């Protein structure tokens, strides 16, 4: 084999490895989420902005924030369900501490809970909800958002 033949083989191997690396990276990252800028109206009338990734499909909701190493303040993930129901969340493969708000179909925050990284024990909403919003732990209290405030979904 001459040097050109060896170069071709190395090039094919290099291209193949690049393709495999790209495919594995995309699979590990999960779905590409739609992003929307929303706001929460507090009982004092303040509008608190939040940049949310939207999880609508079963695949998106199953992936959620798994395997992420950080989530900045002012960012979160909104889980959208087709109907009101008791919601259940766990932190399997979730590396960062989160807070979760269960939200009515009208956008009213019904309850807020903190969640521990890696905890596989399900956390259930105490009543039917249509949405769940995950944020960095304690973000709701840091920005003055509490139960009864309204997530503005139309924005």
Protein backbone atom coordinates (compact mmCIF):
# COMPACT_ATOMS: atom_id res chain seq x y z
CA UNK A 1 0.00 0.00 0.00
CA UNK A 2 1.40 3.40 -0.95
CA UNK A 3 1.12 6.54 1.16
CA UNK A 4 -1.96 7.76 -0.77
CA UNK A 5 -3.85 4.56 0.03
CA UNK A 6 -2.98 4.85 3.71
CA UNK A 7 -4.07 8.50 3.68
CA UNK A 8 -7.44 7.54 2.13
CA UNK A 9 -8.03 4.91 4.80
CA UNK A 10 -7.18 7.37 7.58
CA UNK A 11 -9.48 9.95 5.99
CA UNK A 12 -12.39 7.46 5.82
CA UNK A 13 -11.81 6.44 9.44
CA UNK A 14 -11.60 10.07 10.51
CA UNK A 15 -14.85 10.98 8.71
CA UNK A 16 -16.57 7.89 10.14
CA UNK A 17 -15.47 8.71 13.69
CA UNK A 18 -16.64 12.31 13.24
CA UNK A 19 -20.07 11.07 12.10
CA UNK A 20 -20.37 8.65 15.03
CA UNK A 21 -19.30 11.34 17.53
CA UNK A 22 -21.87 13.78 16.10
CA UNK A 23 -24.66 11.19 16.19
CA UNK A 24 -23.87 10.17 19.79
CA UNK A 25 -23.65 13.81 20.89
CA UNK A 26 -27.04 14.61 19.35
CA UNK A 27 -28.65 11.54 20.93
CA UNK A 28 -27.23 12.41 24.36
CA UNK A 29 -28.42 16.00 24.10
CA UNK A 30 -32.01 14.98 23.42
CA UNK A 31 -34.66 16.93 21.59
CA UNK A 32 -34.35 20.54 20.51
CA UNK A 33 -36.85 22.43 22.64
CA UNK A 34 -38.89 25.42 21.51
CA UNK A 35 -37.92 28.48 23.57
CA UNK A 36 -40.37 31.21 24.63
CA UNK A 37 -40.03 34.34 26.69
CA UNK A 38 -42.82 34.36 29.29
CA UNK A 39 -43.53 36.35 32.42
CA UNK A 40 -45.04 35.75 35.82
CA UNK A 41 -47.31 38.42 37.28
CA UNK A 42 -46.92 38.64 41.04
CA UNK A 43 -49.68 39.59 43.45
CA UNK A 44 -47.97 43.02 43.73
CA UNK A 45 -48.34 43.52 39.96
CA UNK A 46 -44.66 43.02 39.05
CA UNK A 47 -43.88 41.14 35.85
CA UNK A 48 -40.99 38.68 36.28
CA UNK A 49 -39.51 37.53 32.94
CA UNK A 50 -38.46 33.93 32.40
CA UNK A 51 -36.98 32.30 29.31
CA UNK A 52 -38.50 28.85 29.03
CA UNK A 53 -37.86 25.77 26.99
CA UNK A 54 -41.18 24.12 26.18
CA UNK A 55 -41.66 20.37 26.66
CA UNK A 56 -44.90 19.36 24.89
CA UNK A 57 -44.39 15.84 23.55
CA UNK A 58 -43.89 12.65 25.57
CA UNK A 59 -40.28 12.52 24.35
CA UNK A 60 -39.61 16.12 25.41
CA UNK A 61 -41.30 15.70 28.79
CA UNK A 62 -39.38 12.45 29.42
CA UNK A 63 -36.04 14.14 28.65
CA UNK A 64 -36.77 17.35 30.57
CA UNK A 65 -33.65 18.80 32.17
CA UNK A 66 -31.84 15.45 32.48
CA UNK A 67 -28.06 15.44 32.20
CA UNK A 68 -27.72 19.24 32.27
CA UNK A 69 -24.88 20.60 34.36
CA UNK A 70 -26.42 24.02 35.01
CA UNK A 71 -29.50 26.15 34.59
CA UNK A 72 -29.15 29.91 34.90
CA UNK A 73 -31.47 32.11 36.92
CA UNK A 74 -34.24 33.47 34.72
CA UNK A 75 -34.39 30.24 32.72
CA UNK A 76 -36.59 27.21 33.10
CA UNK A 77 -38.55 24.46 31.42
CA UNK A 78 -42.33 24.54 31.02
CA UNK A 79 -43.97 21.12 30.79
CA UNK A 80 -47.26 21.28 28.91
CA UNK A 81 -49.96 18.62 29.29
CA UNK A 82 -53.08 18.11 27.16
CA UNK A 83 -55.48 18.02 30.12
CA UNK A 84 -55.64 18.82 33.79
CA UNK A 85 -54.33 15.92 35.86
CA UNK A 86 -52.32 15.01 38.94
CA UNK A 87 -48.74 15.54 37.73
CA UNK A 88 -45.77 13.42 38.79
CA UNK A 89 -42.10 14.40 38.47
CA UNK A 90 -38.83 12.83 39.53
CA UNK A 91 -35.18 13.81 39.24
CA UNK A 92 -33.70 10.72 37.60
CA UNK A 93 -30.46 11.71 35.81
CA UNK A 94 -31.05 15.34 36.80
CA UNK A 95 -27.81 16.81 38.07
CA UNK A 96 -28.93 20.23 39.30
CA UNK A 97 -31.21 21.19 42.20
CA UNK A 98 -34.54 22.51 40.95
CA UNK A 99 -37.76 24.07 42.13
CA UNK A 100 -41.03 23.15 40.44
CA UNK A 101 -44.32 25.03 40.28
CA UNK A 102 -47.52 23.20 39.42
CA UNK A 103 -49.76 25.53 37.43
CA UNK A 104 -53.48 25.54 36.51
CA UNK A 105 -54.83 25.74 32.95
CA UNK A 106 -55.40 29.47 33.56
CA UNK A 107 -51.75 29.98 34.55
CA UNK A 108 -52.22 30.28 38.33
CA UNK A 109 -49.38 28.82 40.40
CA UNK A 110 -50.97 26.20 42.64
CA UNK A 111 -47.91 25.03 44.59
CA UNK A 112 -44.11 25.22 44.57
CA UNK A 113 -41.67 22.52 45.70
CA UNK A 114 -37.90 22.02 45.84
CA UNK A 115 -36.45 18.88 44.26
CA UNK A 116 -33.17 17.05 44.97
CA UNK A 117 -30.80 16.02 42.16
CA UNK A 118 -30.98 12.30 41.37
CA UNK A 119 -34.02 11.63 43.59
CA UNK A 120 -36.14 8.97 41.87
CA UNK A 121 -39.03 9.21 44.35
CA UNK A 122 -41.93 10.83 42.44
CA UNK A 123 -43.21 14.22 43.55
CA UNK A 124 -46.96 14.54 42.89
CA UNK A 125 -49.01 17.69 42.56
CA UNK A 126 -51.60 17.85 45.35
CA UNK A 127 -54.34 18.63 42.82
CA UNK A 128 -54.88 18.60 39.07
CA UNK A 129 -52.65 20.92 37.07
CA UNK A 130 -52.03 21.58 33.36
CA UNK A 131 -48.44 22.83 33.51
CA UNK A 132 -45.26 22.43 35.52
CA UNK A 133 -42.43 24.96 35.50
CA UNK A 134 -38.95 23.88 36.61
CA UNK A 135 -36.37 26.53 37.52
CA UNK A 136 -33.08 26.62 39.44
CA UNK A 137 -33.76 25.84 43.10
CA UNK A 138 -35.20 28.79 45.07
CA UNK A 139 -35.50 31.01 41.96
CA UNK A 140 -39.21 31.58 42.67
CA UNK A 141 -38.54 32.94 46.16
CA UNK A 142 -35.46 34.94 45.04
CA UNK A 143 -37.54 36.89 42.51
CA UNK A 144 -40.65 37.20 44.68
CA UNK A 145 -42.91 34.65 42.92
CA UNK A 146 -45.29 32.67 45.12
CA UNK A 147 -48.41 30.52 45.09
CA UNK A 148 -51.31 32.42 43.54
CA UNK A 149 -49.17 34.37 41.06
CA UNK A 150 -49.98 34.03 37.34
CA UNK A 151 -47.79 32.66 34.56
CA UNK A 152 -48.68 34.68 31.45
CA UNK A 153 -48.93 31.98 28.80
CA UNK A 154 -50.02 34.16 25.86
CA UNK A 155 -46.72 35.96 25.41
